[in-house]
Amino acid sequence: MILEIAQVEIKPGMEAEFEAGISRAAEIFRVAAGCRSFDVRRSVEHPQRYRLLIEWETLEAHTKDFTGSQAWQDYRAIVSPCFASPPAVEHTERVLKAF
């Protein structure tokens, strides 16, 4: 299992628009092949900063199958007008789950 962490900075005043858009985009991820979960978190200290936590079966499910697909283009069309800068994305593997 791969966890994609995408940090997104939103333009000032566009938080509600982004949240509405990402709610619509959740359906795109729900049906994406290899996508296991989709979670969006908003920073308490920096309310224009969001983190998307997306679990993929494999790295390739995200980087090869999803990225560049029509579904990815649809997702980006919904949310990217709100971006203050390109998202910072990294992929992680679980090393330890203590609880």
Protein backbone atom coordinates (compact mmCIF):
# COMPACT_ATOMS: atom_id res chain seq x y z
CA MET A 1 0.00 0.00 0.00
CA ILE A 2 1.27 3.45 -0.95
CA LEU A 3 0.13 6.66 0.72
CA GLU A 4 0.25 9.73 -1.49
CA ILE A 5 0.53 12.96 0.48
CA ALA A 6 -0.24 16.07 -1.54
CA GLN A 7 0.15 19.45 0.15
CA VAL A 8 -1.95 22.09 -1.54
CA GLU A 9 -1.81 25.83 -0.89
CA ILE A 10 -5.06 27.61 -1.81
CA LYS A 11 -5.42 31.21 -2.97
CA PRO A 12 -6.71 33.49 -0.19
CA GLY A 13 -10.48 33.57 -0.09
CA MET A 14 -10.93 30.41 -2.20
CA GLU A 15 -11.11 27.89 0.65
CA ALA A 16 -14.87 27.32 0.37
CA GLU A 17 -14.63 26.92 -3.40
CA PHE A 18 -11.78 24.44 -3.03
CA GLU A 19 -13.66 22.43 -0.40
CA ALA A 20 -16.76 22.28 -2.59
CA GLY A 21 -14.64 21.22 -5.56
CA ILE A 22 -12.65 18.59 -3.70
CA SER A 23 -15.92 17.16 -2.39
CA ARG A 24 -17.09 16.72 -5.99
CA ALA A 25 -13.69 15.32 -6.98
CA ALA A 26 -13.89 12.64 -4.27
CA GLU A 27 -16.14 10.61 -6.57
CA ILE A 28 -13.38 10.59 -9.21
CA PHE A 29 -11.01 8.98 -6.71
CA ARG A 30 -13.68 6.62 -5.36
CA VAL A 31 -13.96 4.92 -8.74
CA ALA A 32 -10.28 5.21 -9.79
CA ALA A 33 -8.62 1.84 -10.29
CA GLY A 34 -6.22 1.12 -7.45
CA CYS A 35 -7.42 3.93 -5.18
CA ARG A 36 -8.19 2.59 -1.71
CA SER A 37 -9.03 5.76 0.24
CA PHE A 38 -9.22 9.53 -0.10
CA ASP A 39 -8.95 11.90 2.85
CA VAL A 40 -8.61 15.69 2.90
CA ARG A 41 -7.24 17.60 5.90
CA ARG A 42 -7.09 21.35 6.47
CA SER A 43 -4.32 22.89 8.54
CA VAL A 44 -5.46 24.56 11.74
CA GLU A 45 -2.44 26.86 11.85
CA HIS A 46 -2.45 27.63 8.11
CA PRO A 47 -6.10 27.50 6.94
CA GLN A 48 -5.16 27.90 3.26
CA ARG A 49 -3.07 24.69 3.43
CA TYR A 50 -4.65 21.33 2.77
CA ARG A 51 -3.24 17.83 2.68
CA LEU A 52 -4.74 15.15 0.50
CA LEU A 53 -4.03 11.66 1.85
CA ILE A 54 -4.71 9.11 -0.85
CA GLU A 55 -4.03 5.40 -0.49
CA TRP A 56 -3.13 3.51 -3.65
CA GLU A 57 -2.67 -0.22 -4.09
CA THR A 58 0.65 0.44 -5.88
CA LEU A 59 2.77 3.42 -6.83
CA GLU A 60 2.01 2.69 -10.49
CA ALA A 61 -1.75 2.86 -9.83
CA HIS A 62 -1.18 6.54 -9.13
CA THR A 63 1.79 7.53 -11.27
CA LYS A 64 1.02 5.49 -14.39
CA ASP A 65 -2.68 4.66 -14.38
CA PHE A 66 -4.26 7.73 -12.79
CA THR A 67 -1.92 10.64 -13.48
CA GLY A 68 -2.47 11.82 -17.04
CA SER A 69 -5.78 9.97 -17.39
CA GLN A 70 -9.04 11.72 -18.24
CA ALA A 71 -10.11 11.25 -14.62
CA TRP A 72 -6.98 13.09 -13.43
CA GLN A 73 -7.63 15.89 -15.94
CA ASP A 74 -11.23 16.15 -14.69
CA TYR A 75 -10.03 16.34 -11.08
CA ARG A 76 -7.48 19.03 -11.89
CA ALA A 77 -10.03 21.07 -13.86
CA ILE A 78 -12.25 21.17 -10.77
CA VAL A 79 -9.65 22.16 -8.17
CA SER A 80 -6.59 23.70 -9.84
CA PRO A 81 -8.13 27.19 -10.28
CA CYS A 82 -7.94 27.41 -6.47
CA PHE A 83 -4.22 26.51 -6.25
CA ALA A 84 -1.85 29.27 -5.16
CA SER A 85 1.06 27.08 -6.31
CA PRO A 86 1.53 23.57 -7.68
CA PRO A 87 0.91 20.83 -5.09
CA ALA A 88 3.89 19.22 -3.37
CA VAL A 89 3.43 15.46 -3.72
CA GLU A 90 5.25 12.54 -2.16
CA HIS A 91 4.58 8.83 -1.79
CA THR A 92 5.17 6.92 1.44
CA GLU A 93 5.24 3.32 2.60
CA ARG A 94 4.23 2.25 6.09
CA VAL A 95 7.13 1.26 8.27
CA LEU A 96 5.25 0.89 11.55
CA LYS A 97 1.66 1.05 12.76
CA ALA A 98 1.74 1.21 16.54
CA PHE A 99 -2.00 1.35 17.28
